[in-house]
Amino acid sequence: MKILLFGASGNIGSAIADELLSRGHQVTGVTRSGRIEGSADREGFTVVAGDATDADTVAELSGQGYDLIASAVGPRVGAEDDRKIIVGAAKALIEGLGRSGARRLVVLGGAGSLETAPGVRVIDSPHFPEMWRNNALAQIEALGLYRATENLDWTFISPAKLIEPGERTGTYRKGGEQLVVDAEGNSRISYADYAVAFADELEQGNAIKSRINVAY
């Protein structure tokens, strides 16, 4: 497939690009600078400049014959406005793809709105890290925007409560609105295995117009 990937230079975005390229897909990575170190040497990988929070940019890029649009856009922690980036990108993607006619969108979501018990979300815990609260609230708002959209075949992929560097095992478990945890109650996944789950959903299209959660 020919895939346009916004946010290709971040920790998660670069892992997604690596996974997609390893599967033989053609990937155009979009970054604000238009550069990713070493990208020129990678077969099937092109990098272009673009702002995912700008609907004109989204419309122009997504109208160039891609099979699927993906987004791993996120703010730099502590350095950027979470809502401006996350909600701004959601609004621009919805508007821009609506203009270009592209329908299939797979996005990196957040875990804050997942349920740990009926009616109780991850973000509702008194132990939820304050530094991640604005990010979680912005992801909750973005999910609401996607759910209200009729002209996109979107999928919102929430990671585990903890997503971090680690090996690629190629394994994960998938859930819906409830946080996926292991036998000890932990919820975690590596960037690399989140990328495996992201690429699987991108290829298989099993969760159209819905949110899924992936963890070990």
N, C-alpha and C. Protein backbone atom coordinates (compact mmCIF):
# COMPACT_ATOMS: atom_id res chain seq x y z
N MET A 1 0.83 -1.20 0.00
CA MET A 1 0.00 0.00 0.00
C MET A 1 0.87 1.25 0.00
N LYS A 2 0.27 2.31 -0.47
CA LYS A 2 0.91 3.62 -0.47
C LYS A 2 0.29 4.42 0.68
N ILE A 3 1.11 4.76 1.68
CA ILE A 3 0.59 5.31 2.94
C ILE A 3 1.20 6.67 3.24
N LEU A 4 0.37 7.61 3.64
CA LEU A 4 0.80 8.92 4.10
C LEU A 4 0.76 8.92 5.62
N LEU A 5 1.90 9.17 6.26
CA LEU A 5 2.01 9.08 7.71
C LEU A 5 2.40 10.43 8.30
N PHE A 6 1.46 11.08 8.98
CA PHE A 6 1.76 12.30 9.71
C PHE A 6 2.42 11.94 11.05
N GLY A 7 3.36 12.79 11.48
CA GLY A 7 4.03 12.52 12.76
C GLY A 7 5.05 11.41 12.67
N ALA A 8 5.73 11.32 11.54
CA ALA A 8 6.62 10.18 11.29
C ALA A 8 7.94 10.25 12.03
N SER A 9 8.26 11.37 12.66
CA SER A 9 9.57 11.50 13.29
C SER A 9 9.58 11.24 14.80
N GLY A 10 8.42 11.09 15.41
CA GLY A 10 8.35 10.84 16.85
C GLY A 10 8.72 9.41 17.20
N ASN A 11 8.78 9.13 18.50
CA ASN A 11 9.13 7.77 18.94
C ASN A 11 8.18 6.72 18.38
N ILE A 12 6.88 7.02 18.48
CA ILE A 12 5.89 6.05 18.00
C ILE A 12 5.77 6.12 16.49
N GLY A 13 5.77 7.32 15.94
CA GLY A 13 5.66 7.48 14.49
C GLY A 13 6.80 6.80 13.74
N SER A 14 8.03 6.92 14.26
CA SER A 14 9.16 6.28 13.60
C SER A 14 9.08 4.76 13.71
N ALA A 15 8.54 4.26 14.82
CA ALA A 15 8.36 2.81 14.95
C ALA A 15 7.31 2.32 13.96
N ILE A 16 6.25 3.09 13.77
CA ILE A 16 5.21 2.73 12.80
C ILE A 16 5.80 2.73 11.39
N ALA A 17 6.59 3.76 11.06
CA ALA A 17 7.22 3.81 9.74
C ALA A 17 8.12 2.60 9.52
N ASP A 18 8.92 2.25 10.53
CA ASP A 18 9.81 1.08 10.42
C ASP A 18 9.01 -0.19 10.14
N GLU A 19 7.92 -0.37 10.88
CA GLU A 19 7.11 -1.58 10.73
C GLU A 19 6.46 -1.64 9.34
N LEU A 20 5.93 -0.52 8.88
CA LEU A 20 5.28 -0.49 7.57
C LEU A 20 6.28 -0.76 6.45
N LEU A 21 7.46 -0.16 6.56
CA LEU A 21 8.48 -0.37 5.54
C LEU A 21 8.95 -1.82 5.53
N SER A 22 9.05 -2.45 6.70
CA SER A 22 9.49 -3.85 6.78
C SER A 22 8.48 -4.79 6.12
N ARG A 23 7.25 -4.32 5.99
CA ARG A 23 6.20 -5.14 5.36
C ARG A 23 6.05 -4.84 3.87
N GLY A 24 6.91 -3.96 3.35
CA GLY A 24 6.91 -3.68 1.92
C GLY A 24 6.01 -2.55 1.47
N HIS A 25 5.44 -1.80 2.42
CA HIS A 25 4.59 -0.68 2.04
C HIS A 25 5.46 0.51 1.62
N GLN A 26 4.89 1.39 0.82
CA GLN A 26 5.52 2.65 0.47
C GLN A 26 5.00 3.71 1.45
N VAL A 27 5.91 4.41 2.11
CA VAL A 27 5.52 5.35 3.15
C VAL A 27 6.04 6.74 2.83
N THR A 28 5.14 7.71 2.87
CA THR A 28 5.53 9.11 2.82
C THR A 28 5.33 9.67 4.21
N GLY A 29 6.44 10.01 4.88
CA GLY A 29 6.38 10.54 6.23
C GLY A 29 6.27 12.06 6.20
N VAL A 30 5.37 12.60 6.99
CA VAL A 30 5.18 14.04 7.06
C VAL A 30 5.72 14.54 8.39
N THR A 31 6.65 15.50 8.33
CA THR A 31 7.18 16.13 9.53
C THR A 31 7.15 17.64 9.33
N ARG A 32 7.20 18.37 10.42
CA ARG A 32 7.17 19.83 10.29
C ARG A 32 8.40 20.37 9.59
N SER A 33 9.54 19.71 9.75
CA SER A 33 10.77 20.17 9.12
C SER A 33 10.96 19.63 7.71
N GLY A 34 10.26 18.55 7.40
CA GLY A 34 10.46 17.89 6.11
C GLY A 34 11.70 17.03 6.07
N ARG A 35 12.24 16.72 7.26
CA ARG A 35 13.47 15.94 7.34
C ARG A 35 13.37 14.88 8.43
N ILE A 36 13.96 13.72 8.17
CA ILE A 36 14.22 12.69 9.17
C ILE A 36 15.60 12.15 8.86
N GLU A 37 16.49 12.15 9.80
CA GLU A 37 17.86 11.72 9.57
C GLU A 37 17.91 10.29 9.05
N GLY A 38 18.63 10.11 7.96
CA GLY A 38 18.80 8.78 7.38
C GLY A 38 17.69 8.32 6.47
N SER A 39 16.64 9.13 6.31
CA SER A 39 15.49 8.68 5.52
C SER A 39 15.81 8.53 4.05
N ALA A 40 16.78 9.31 3.54
CA ALA A 40 17.10 9.25 2.11
C ALA A 40 17.67 7.90 1.71
N ASP A 41 18.18 7.15 2.66
CA ASP A 41 18.81 5.86 2.36
C ASP A 41 17.84 4.68 2.46
N ARG A 42 16.57 4.97 2.75
CA ARG A 42 15.63 3.88 3.00
C ARG A 42 14.70 3.67 1.80
N GLU A 43 14.73 2.49 1.26
CA GLU A 43 13.90 2.19 0.10
C GLU A 43 12.41 2.26 0.47
N GLY A 44 11.65 2.93 -0.36
CA GLY A 44 10.21 3.04 -0.15
C GLY A 44 9.78 4.13 0.79
N PHE A 45 10.75 4.93 1.30
CA PHE A 45 10.44 5.96 2.30
C PHE A 45 10.76 7.34 1.74
N THR A 46 9.76 8.22 1.77
CA THR A 46 9.92 9.60 1.34
C THR A 46 9.48 10.50 2.48
N VAL A 47 10.15 11.61 2.68
CA VAL A 47 9.77 12.55 3.74
C VAL A 47 9.44 13.90 3.12
N VAL A 48 8.31 14.47 3.55
CA VAL A 48 7.89 15.78 3.07
C VAL A 48 7.54 16.67 4.26
N ALA A 49 7.56 17.97 4.03
CA ALA A 49 7.20 18.93 5.08
C ALA A 49 5.69 19.13 5.09
N GLY A 50 5.14 19.26 6.29
CA GLY A 50 3.71 19.52 6.40
C GLY A 50 3.29 19.65 7.85
N ASP A 51 2.20 20.36 8.05
CA ASP A 51 1.64 20.60 9.38
C ASP A 51 0.31 19.89 9.50
N ALA A 52 0.24 18.88 10.35
CA ALA A 52 -0.99 18.09 10.50
C ALA A 52 -2.12 18.88 11.11
N THR A 53 -1.84 20.04 11.67
CA THR A 53 -2.91 20.87 12.25
C THR A 53 -3.46 21.87 11.26
N ASP A 54 -3.00 21.80 10.02
CA ASP A 54 -3.45 22.72 8.98
C ASP A 54 -4.26 21.96 7.94
N ALA A 55 -5.55 22.25 7.84
CA ALA A 55 -6.44 21.50 6.94
C ALA A 55 -6.04 21.63 5.48
N ASP A 56 -5.52 22.79 5.08
CA ASP A 56 -5.09 22.97 3.70
C ASP A 56 -3.96 22.01 3.35
N THR A 57 -3.00 21.89 4.27
CA THR A 57 -1.88 20.97 4.07
C THR A 57 -2.37 19.53 4.00
N VAL A 58 -3.25 19.16 4.92
CA VAL A 58 -3.79 17.80 4.93
C VAL A 58 -4.51 17.49 3.62
N ALA A 59 -5.33 18.44 3.15
CA ALA A 59 -6.09 18.24 1.92
C ALA A 59 -5.15 18.07 0.72
N GLU A 60 -4.13 18.92 0.66
CA GLU A 60 -3.19 18.86 -0.46
C GLU A 60 -2.42 17.55 -0.48
N LEU A 61 -1.86 17.15 0.66
CA LEU A 61 -1.04 15.94 0.71
C LEU A 61 -1.89 14.68 0.53
N SER A 62 -3.03 14.63 1.19
CA SER A 62 -3.83 13.40 1.16
C SER A 62 -4.52 13.17 -0.17
N GLY A 63 -4.54 14.21 -1.01
CA GLY A 63 -5.18 14.07 -2.32
C GLY A 63 -4.25 13.57 -3.40
N GLN A 64 -3.10 13.02 -3.01
CA GLN A 64 -2.09 12.61 -3.99
C GLN A 64 -2.05 11.10 -4.21
N GLY A 65 -3.20 10.45 -4.10
CA GLY A 65 -3.30 9.05 -4.50
C GLY A 65 -2.85 8.02 -3.49
N TYR A 66 -2.98 8.32 -2.20
CA TYR A 66 -2.60 7.36 -1.16
C TYR A 66 -3.74 6.37 -0.90
N ASP A 67 -3.36 5.16 -0.54
CA ASP A 67 -4.36 4.15 -0.19
C ASP A 67 -4.91 4.37 1.21
N LEU A 68 -4.10 4.97 2.07
CA LEU A 68 -4.50 5.13 3.47
C LEU A 68 -3.72 6.28 4.09
N ILE A 69 -4.38 6.99 5.02
CA ILE A 69 -3.75 8.06 5.77
C ILE A 69 -3.59 7.60 7.21
N ALA A 70 -2.42 7.82 7.78
CA ALA A 70 -2.16 7.45 9.17
C ALA A 70 -1.61 8.67 9.91
N SER A 71 -1.88 8.72 11.20
CA SER A 71 -1.38 9.83 12.01
C SER A 71 -0.86 9.34 13.35
N ALA A 72 0.38 9.72 13.63
CA ALA A 72 0.98 9.46 14.94
C ALA A 72 1.40 10.78 15.57
N VAL A 73 0.62 11.81 15.28
CA VAL A 73 0.95 13.16 15.72
C VAL A 73 0.77 13.29 17.24
N GLY A 74 1.73 13.93 17.86
CA GLY A 74 1.65 14.20 19.30
C GLY A 74 2.56 15.34 19.67
N PRO A 75 2.27 16.05 20.75
CA PRO A 75 3.10 17.17 21.17
C PRO A 75 4.37 16.71 21.86
N ARG A 76 5.38 17.56 21.84
CA ARG A 76 6.57 17.30 22.64
C ARG A 76 6.21 17.57 24.09
N VAL A 77 6.40 16.56 24.94
CA VAL A 77 5.97 16.63 26.33
C VAL A 77 6.62 17.81 27.05
N GLY A 78 5.76 18.66 27.63
CA GLY A 78 6.24 19.79 28.39
C GLY A 78 6.69 20.97 27.57
N ALA A 79 6.67 20.83 26.22
CA ALA A 79 7.17 21.90 25.36
C ALA A 79 6.11 22.48 24.44
N GLU A 80 5.00 21.76 24.26
CA GLU A 80 3.97 22.22 23.33
C GLU A 80 2.60 22.07 23.96
N ASP A 81 1.64 22.82 23.42
CA ASP A 81 0.26 22.79 23.89
C ASP A 81 -0.41 21.50 23.41
N ASP A 82 -0.77 20.63 24.34
CA ASP A 82 -1.34 19.32 23.98
C ASP A 82 -2.61 19.47 23.15
N ARG A 83 -3.51 20.35 23.60
CA ARG A 83 -4.79 20.48 22.89
C ARG A 83 -4.59 21.06 21.49
N LYS A 84 -3.71 22.04 21.38
CA LYS A 84 -3.45 22.66 20.08
C LYS A 84 -2.97 21.63 19.07
N ILE A 85 -2.10 20.73 19.50
CA ILE A 85 -1.56 19.72 18.58
C ILE A 85 -2.54 18.58 18.35
N ILE A 86 -3.06 17.99 19.42
CA ILE A 86 -3.89 16.78 19.28
C ILE A 86 -5.27 17.09 18.71
N VAL A 87 -5.96 18.05 19.31
CA VAL A 87 -7.29 18.42 18.80
C VAL A 87 -7.17 19.15 17.47
N GLY A 88 -6.13 19.98 17.36
CA GLY A 88 -5.90 20.68 16.10
C GLY A 88 -5.69 19.72 14.95
N ALA A 89 -4.92 18.67 15.19
CA ALA A 89 -4.68 17.66 14.14
C ALA A 89 -5.97 16.91 13.81
N ALA A 90 -6.73 16.56 14.82
CA ALA A 90 -7.99 15.84 14.57
C ALA A 90 -8.92 16.68 13.69
N LYS A 91 -9.06 17.96 14.02
CA LYS A 91 -9.94 18.84 13.24
C LYS A 91 -9.42 18.99 11.81
N ALA A 92 -8.10 19.18 11.66
CA ALA A 92 -7.52 19.37 10.33
C ALA A 92 -7.61 18.09 9.50
N LEU A 93 -7.40 16.94 10.13
CA LEU A 93 -7.51 15.67 9.40
C LEU A 93 -8.94 15.44 8.92
N ILE A 94 -9.89 15.70 9.79
CA ILE A 94 -11.29 15.50 9.41
C ILE A 94 -11.68 16.43 8.26
N GLU A 95 -11.31 17.70 8.39
CA GLU A 95 -11.65 18.67 7.33
C GLU A 95 -10.86 18.41 6.06
N GLY A 96 -9.55 18.22 6.20
CA GLY A 96 -8.70 18.05 5.04
C GLY A 96 -9.00 16.79 4.25
N LEU A 97 -9.22 15.68 4.93
CA LEU A 97 -9.56 14.43 4.23
C LEU A 97 -10.94 14.53 3.61
N GLY A 98 -11.83 15.28 4.26
CA GLY A 98 -13.15 15.50 3.67
C GLY A 98 -13.04 16.22 2.34
N ARG A 99 -12.10 17.14 2.26
CA ARG A 99 -11.92 17.90 1.01
C ARG A 99 -11.25 17.06 -0.07
N SER A 100 -10.27 16.25 0.32
CA SER A 100 -9.53 15.47 -0.68
C SER A 100 -10.26 14.21 -1.12
N GLY A 101 -11.22 13.78 -0.31
CA GLY A 101 -11.96 12.56 -0.63
C GLY A 101 -11.34 11.29 -0.09
N ALA A 102 -10.22 11.42 0.62
CA ALA A 102 -9.62 10.23 1.24
C ALA A 102 -10.48 9.80 2.42
N ARG A 103 -10.73 8.51 2.56
CA ARG A 103 -11.68 8.06 3.59
C ARG A 103 -11.03 7.28 4.73
N ARG A 104 -9.97 6.52 4.46
CA ARG A 104 -9.43 5.62 5.48
C ARG A 104 -8.36 6.31 6.30
N LEU A 105 -8.58 6.36 7.61
CA LEU A 105 -7.66 7.05 8.53
C LEU A 105 -7.44 6.20 9.76
N VAL A 106 -6.17 5.96 10.10
CA VAL A 106 -5.80 5.25 11.32
C VAL A 106 -4.95 6.19 12.17
N VAL A 107 -5.34 6.39 13.44
CA VAL A 107 -4.65 7.38 14.26
C VAL A 107 -4.17 6.79 15.59
N LEU A 108 -3.05 7.33 16.05
CA LEU A 108 -2.56 7.07 17.40
C LEU A 108 -3.47 7.78 18.38
N GLY A 109 -4.04 7.03 19.32
CA GLY A 109 -4.92 7.61 20.33
C GLY A 109 -4.27 7.64 21.69
N GLY A 110 -5.08 7.88 22.70
CA GLY A 110 -4.59 7.91 24.07
C GLY A 110 -5.31 6.87 24.91
N ALA A 111 -4.77 6.60 26.09
CA ALA A 111 -5.34 5.58 26.97
C ALA A 111 -6.22 6.17 28.07
N GLY A 112 -6.22 7.48 28.23
CA GLY A 112 -6.90 8.10 29.37
C GLY A 112 -8.39 7.85 29.47
N SER A 113 -9.06 7.66 28.32
CA SER A 113 -10.51 7.46 28.34
C SER A 113 -10.91 5.99 28.42
N LEU A 114 -9.94 5.08 28.43
CA LEU A 114 -10.27 3.65 28.57
C LEU A 114 -10.81 3.38 29.96
N GLU A 115 -11.70 2.42 30.07
CA GLU A 115 -12.31 2.09 31.36
C GLU A 115 -11.47 1.07 32.13
N THR A 116 -11.32 1.31 33.43
CA THR A 116 -10.70 0.33 34.31
C THR A 116 -11.76 -0.42 35.10
N ALA A 117 -12.96 0.11 35.12
CA ALA A 117 -14.16 -0.49 35.71
C ALA A 117 -15.34 0.22 35.05
N PRO A 118 -16.54 -0.35 35.11
CA PRO A 118 -17.68 0.30 34.47
C PRO A 118 -17.84 1.76 34.92
N GLY A 119 -17.75 2.67 33.95
CA GLY A 119 -17.91 4.08 34.24
C GLY A 119 -16.70 4.76 34.84
N VAL A 120 -15.60 4.03 35.03
CA VAL A 120 -14.38 4.60 35.62
C VAL A 120 -13.26 4.55 34.59
N ARG A 121 -12.72 5.72 34.24
CA ARG A 121 -11.68 5.80 33.23
C ARG A 121 -10.29 5.85 33.86
N VAL A 122 -9.29 5.55 33.04
CA VAL A 122 -7.90 5.64 33.49
C VAL A 122 -7.62 7.02 34.06
N ILE A 123 -8.09 8.06 33.40
CA ILE A 123 -7.82 9.43 33.83
C ILE A 123 -8.49 9.78 35.17
N ASP A 124 -9.50 9.01 35.57
CA ASP A 124 -10.21 9.28 36.82
C ASP A 124 -9.46 8.81 38.06
N SER A 125 -8.40 8.03 37.86
CA SER A 125 -7.64 7.53 39.00
C SER A 125 -6.92 8.67 39.72
N PRO A 126 -6.93 8.66 41.07
CA PRO A 126 -6.19 9.69 41.81
C PRO A 126 -4.69 9.61 41.59
N HIS A 127 -4.23 8.48 41.02
CA HIS A 127 -2.80 8.29 40.78
C HIS A 127 -2.40 8.65 39.34
N PHE A 128 -3.37 9.14 38.56
CA PHE A 128 -3.05 9.48 37.17
C PHE A 128 -2.02 10.62 37.16
N PRO A 129 -0.91 10.48 36.41
CA PRO A 129 0.15 11.50 36.43
C PRO A 129 -0.35 12.85 35.93
N GLU A 130 -0.13 13.87 36.70
CA GLU A 130 -0.61 15.21 36.34
C GLU A 130 0.02 15.70 35.04
N MET A 131 1.26 15.31 34.78
CA MET A 131 1.93 15.77 33.57
C MET A 131 1.27 15.26 32.29
N TRP A 132 0.47 14.20 32.40
CA TRP A 132 -0.20 13.63 31.24
C TRP A 132 -1.68 14.00 31.15
N ARG A 133 -2.18 14.77 32.12
CA ARG A 133 -3.62 15.05 32.16
C ARG A 133 -4.10 15.85 30.94
N ASN A 134 -3.39 16.91 30.59
CA ASN A 134 -3.82 17.72 29.45
C ASN A 134 -3.77 16.92 28.16
N ASN A 135 -2.76 16.06 28.02
CA ASN A 135 -2.66 15.20 26.85
C ASN A 135 -3.87 14.26 26.79
N ALA A 136 -4.21 13.65 27.92
CA ALA A 136 -5.33 12.72 27.96
C ALA A 136 -6.65 13.42 27.65
N LEU A 137 -6.84 14.61 28.21
CA LEU A 137 -8.06 15.36 27.94
C LEU A 137 -8.17 15.72 26.46
N ALA A 138 -7.04 16.08 25.86
CA ALA A 138 -7.05 16.41 24.44
C ALA A 138 -7.37 15.18 23.60
N GLN A 139 -6.83 14.02 23.98
CA GLN A 139 -7.13 12.79 23.24
C GLN A 139 -8.61 12.40 23.38
N ILE A 140 -9.17 12.64 24.55
CA ILE A 140 -10.60 12.36 24.75
C ILE A 140 -11.44 13.26 23.83
N GLU A 141 -11.06 14.52 23.74
CA GLU A 141 -11.78 15.45 22.85
C GLU A 141 -11.63 15.03 21.39
N ALA A 142 -10.42 14.64 21.01
CA ALA A 142 -10.19 14.21 19.63
C ALA A 142 -11.02 12.97 19.28
N LEU A 143 -11.09 12.01 20.21
CA LEU A 143 -11.90 10.81 19.97
C LEU A 143 -13.36 11.19 19.74
N GLY A 144 -13.87 12.15 20.51
CA GLY A 144 -15.23 12.61 20.32
C GLY A 144 -15.45 13.20 18.93
N LEU A 145 -14.45 13.91 18.42
CA LEU A 145 -14.56 14.48 17.08
C LEU A 145 -14.63 13.39 16.02
N TYR A 146 -13.79 12.37 16.16
CA TYR A 146 -13.83 11.27 15.19
C TYR A 146 -15.17 10.54 15.25
N ARG A 147 -15.66 10.33 16.45
CA ARG A 147 -16.93 9.62 16.59
C ARG A 147 -18.12 10.38 15.98
N ALA A 148 -17.98 11.69 15.88
CA ALA A 148 -19.06 12.51 15.31
C ALA A 148 -18.92 12.67 13.79
N THR A 149 -17.87 12.07 13.23
CA THR A 149 -17.59 12.22 11.80
C THR A 149 -18.22 11.09 11.00
N GLU A 150 -18.89 11.46 9.90
CA GLU A 150 -19.55 10.46 9.07
C GLU A 150 -18.80 10.15 7.79
N ASN A 151 -17.91 11.05 7.36
CA ASN A 151 -17.28 10.89 6.04
C ASN A 151 -15.92 10.20 6.08
N LEU A 152 -15.54 9.64 7.26
CA LEU A 152 -14.26 8.95 7.37
C LEU A 152 -14.43 7.54 7.91
N ASP A 153 -13.64 6.63 7.37
CA ASP A 153 -13.54 5.28 7.93
C ASP A 153 -12.32 5.28 8.86
N TRP A 154 -12.52 5.80 10.07
CA TRP A 154 -11.41 6.02 10.99
C TRP A 154 -11.24 4.86 11.97
N THR A 155 -10.04 4.73 12.49
CA THR A 155 -9.75 3.82 13.61
C THR A 155 -8.82 4.55 14.58
N PHE A 156 -9.17 4.54 15.85
CA PHE A 156 -8.43 5.22 16.90
C PHE A 156 -7.79 4.13 17.76
N ILE A 157 -6.47 4.04 17.74
CA ILE A 157 -5.78 2.94 18.41
C ILE A 157 -5.12 3.45 19.69
N SER A 158 -5.72 3.10 20.83
CA SER A 158 -5.17 3.49 22.12
C SER A 158 -4.10 2.50 22.55
N PRO A 159 -2.97 3.00 23.02
CA PRO A 159 -1.94 2.10 23.53
C PRO A 159 -2.26 1.67 24.95
N ALA A 160 -1.41 0.86 25.50
CA ALA A 160 -1.49 0.51 26.92
C ALA A 160 -1.28 1.76 27.77
N LYS A 161 -1.53 1.64 29.06
CA LYS A 161 -1.33 2.77 29.96
C LYS A 161 0.12 3.23 29.94
N LEU A 162 1.05 2.27 29.77
CA LEU A 162 2.47 2.60 29.67
C LEU A 162 2.98 2.12 28.32
N ILE A 163 3.48 3.07 27.52
CA ILE A 163 4.11 2.71 26.25
C ILE A 163 5.52 3.26 26.29
N GLU A 164 6.50 2.42 25.96
CA GLU A 164 7.90 2.77 26.21
C GLU A 164 8.81 2.03 25.24
N PRO A 165 10.10 2.40 25.19
CA PRO A 165 11.03 1.66 24.35
C PRO A 165 11.10 0.19 24.79
N GLY A 166 11.38 -0.67 23.85
CA GLY A 166 11.48 -2.10 24.17
C GLY A 166 11.57 -2.92 22.90
N GLU A 167 11.73 -4.20 23.05
CA GLU A 167 11.91 -5.07 21.89
C GLU A 167 10.60 -5.28 21.14
N ARG A 168 10.77 -5.72 19.91
CA ARG A 168 9.62 -6.12 19.09
C ARG A 168 9.41 -7.62 19.27
N THR A 169 8.34 -7.99 19.94
CA THR A 169 8.03 -9.40 20.12
C THR A 169 7.05 -9.90 19.05
N GLY A 170 6.33 -8.96 18.44
CA GLY A 170 5.31 -9.32 17.46
C GLY A 170 4.03 -9.81 18.08
N THR A 171 3.90 -9.70 19.40
CA THR A 171 2.69 -10.17 20.08
C THR A 171 2.05 -9.03 20.86
N TYR A 172 0.75 -9.10 20.98
CA TYR A 172 -0.02 -8.13 21.76
C TYR A 172 -1.44 -8.68 21.90
N ARG A 173 -2.20 -8.11 22.81
CA ARG A 173 -3.62 -8.44 22.93
C ARG A 173 -4.42 -7.19 22.59
N LYS A 174 -5.61 -7.41 22.09
CA LYS A 174 -6.44 -6.29 21.62
C LYS A 174 -7.76 -6.26 22.38
N GLY A 175 -8.18 -5.07 22.79
CA GLY A 175 -9.45 -4.88 23.46
C GLY A 175 -10.21 -3.73 22.84
N GLY A 176 -11.32 -3.37 23.49
CA GLY A 176 -12.15 -2.28 23.00
C GLY A 176 -12.08 -1.07 23.91
N GLU A 177 -13.15 -0.86 24.68
CA GLU A 177 -13.23 0.31 25.55
C GLU A 177 -12.60 0.08 26.92
N GLN A 178 -12.27 -1.16 27.24
CA GLN A 178 -11.67 -1.47 28.54
C GLN A 178 -10.15 -1.60 28.42
N LEU A 179 -9.44 -1.07 29.39
CA LEU A 179 -7.99 -1.14 29.41
C LEU A 179 -7.53 -2.59 29.46
N VAL A 180 -6.66 -2.98 28.55
CA VAL A 180 -6.11 -4.33 28.54
C VAL A 180 -4.98 -4.42 29.56
N VAL A 181 -5.08 -5.37 30.48
CA VAL A 181 -4.06 -5.56 31.52
C VAL A 181 -3.62 -7.02 31.53
N ASP A 182 -2.45 -7.27 32.13
CA ASP A 182 -1.96 -8.63 32.25
C ASP A 182 -2.43 -9.24 33.57
N ALA A 183 -1.95 -10.44 33.88
CA ALA A 183 -2.42 -11.15 35.08
C ALA A 183 -2.11 -10.41 36.37
N GLU A 184 -1.09 -9.54 36.33
CA GLU A 184 -0.73 -8.77 37.53
C GLU A 184 -1.40 -7.40 37.55
N GLY A 185 -2.23 -7.14 36.57
CA GLY A 185 -2.92 -5.85 36.51
C GLY A 185 -2.14 -4.74 35.83
N ASN A 186 -1.00 -5.09 35.21
CA ASN A 186 -0.19 -4.10 34.53
C ASN A 186 -0.65 -3.92 33.08
N SER A 187 -0.49 -2.70 32.57
CA SER A 187 -0.86 -2.40 31.19
C SER A 187 0.32 -1.69 30.54
N ARG A 188 0.99 -2.40 29.64
CA ARG A 188 2.17 -1.83 29.00
C ARG A 188 2.36 -2.43 27.60
N ILE A 189 3.13 -1.72 26.79
CA ILE A 189 3.50 -2.22 25.47
C ILE A 189 4.71 -1.41 25.01
N SER A 190 5.53 -2.01 24.15
CA SER A 190 6.68 -1.28 23.60
C SER A 190 6.23 -0.49 22.38
N TYR A 191 7.02 0.53 22.02
CA TYR A 191 6.74 1.27 20.79
C TYR A 191 6.66 0.32 19.61
N ALA A 192 7.61 -0.62 19.56
CA ALA A 192 7.71 -1.53 18.41
C ALA A 192 6.48 -2.42 18.29
N ASP A 193 5.97 -2.94 19.41
CA ASP A 193 4.81 -3.81 19.34
C ASP A 193 3.51 -3.03 19.16
N TYR A 194 3.48 -1.80 19.64
CA TYR A 194 2.34 -0.94 19.30
C TYR A 194 2.31 -0.75 17.78
N ALA A 195 3.50 -0.55 17.18
CA ALA A 195 3.58 -0.37 15.74
C ALA A 195 3.11 -1.63 15.00
N VAL A 196 3.40 -2.80 15.54
CA VAL A 196 2.90 -4.05 14.95
C VAL A 196 1.38 -4.05 14.93
N ALA A 197 0.78 -3.71 16.07
CA ALA A 197 -0.69 -3.67 16.16
C ALA A 197 -1.27 -2.62 15.21
N PHE A 198 -0.61 -1.47 15.14
CA PHE A 198 -1.06 -0.39 14.26
C PHE A 198 -1.05 -0.85 12.80
N ALA A 199 0.07 -1.48 12.39
CA ALA A 199 0.19 -1.95 11.01
C ALA A 199 -0.80 -3.07 10.72
N ASP A 200 -1.03 -3.96 11.69
CA ASP A 200 -2.01 -5.03 11.49
C ASP A 200 -3.40 -4.45 11.22
N GLU A 201 -3.80 -3.47 12.02
CA GLU A 201 -5.12 -2.87 11.84
C GLU A 201 -5.19 -2.11 10.52
N LEU A 202 -4.12 -1.43 10.19
CA LEU A 202 -4.06 -0.70 8.93
C LEU A 202 -4.28 -1.65 7.75
N GLU A 203 -3.67 -2.82 7.80
CA GLU A 203 -3.78 -3.78 6.70
C GLU A 203 -5.11 -4.51 6.71
N GLN A 204 -5.62 -4.83 7.89
CA GLN A 204 -6.79 -5.71 7.99
C GLN A 204 -8.11 -4.96 8.05
N GLY A 205 -8.12 -3.76 8.59
CA GLY A 205 -9.33 -2.95 8.64
C GLY A 205 -10.46 -3.59 9.43
N ASN A 206 -10.14 -4.14 10.60
CA ASN A 206 -11.16 -4.83 11.40
C ASN A 206 -11.93 -3.91 12.34
N ALA A 207 -11.47 -2.68 12.50
CA ALA A 207 -12.09 -1.80 13.50
C ALA A 207 -12.46 -0.45 12.88
N ILE A 208 -13.25 -0.50 11.84
CA ILE A 208 -13.67 0.73 11.16
C ILE A 208 -14.65 1.49 12.05
N LYS A 209 -14.43 2.81 12.14
CA LYS A 209 -15.26 3.71 12.94
C LYS A 209 -15.33 3.26 14.41
N SER A 210 -14.19 2.85 14.95
CA SER A 210 -14.17 2.44 16.34
C SER A 210 -12.79 2.63 16.95
N ARG A 211 -12.73 2.55 18.28
CA ARG A 211 -11.49 2.63 19.03
C ARG A 211 -11.11 1.24 19.53
N ILE A 212 -9.83 0.91 19.43
CA ILE A 212 -9.34 -0.32 20.01
C ILE A 212 -8.19 0.03 20.96
N ASN A 213 -7.86 -0.92 21.81
CA ASN A 213 -6.80 -0.77 22.81
C ASN A 213 -5.87 -1.96 22.67
N VAL A 214 -4.54 -1.71 22.63
CA VAL A 214 -3.59 -2.81 22.47
C VAL A 214 -2.56 -2.76 23.60
N ALA A 215 -2.26 -3.94 24.14
CA ALA A 215 -1.29 -4.07 25.23
C ALA A 215 -0.86 -5.54 25.31
N TYR A 216 0.15 -5.81 26.15
CA TYR A 216 0.57 -7.20 26.34
C TYR A 216 -0.44 -7.94 27.22
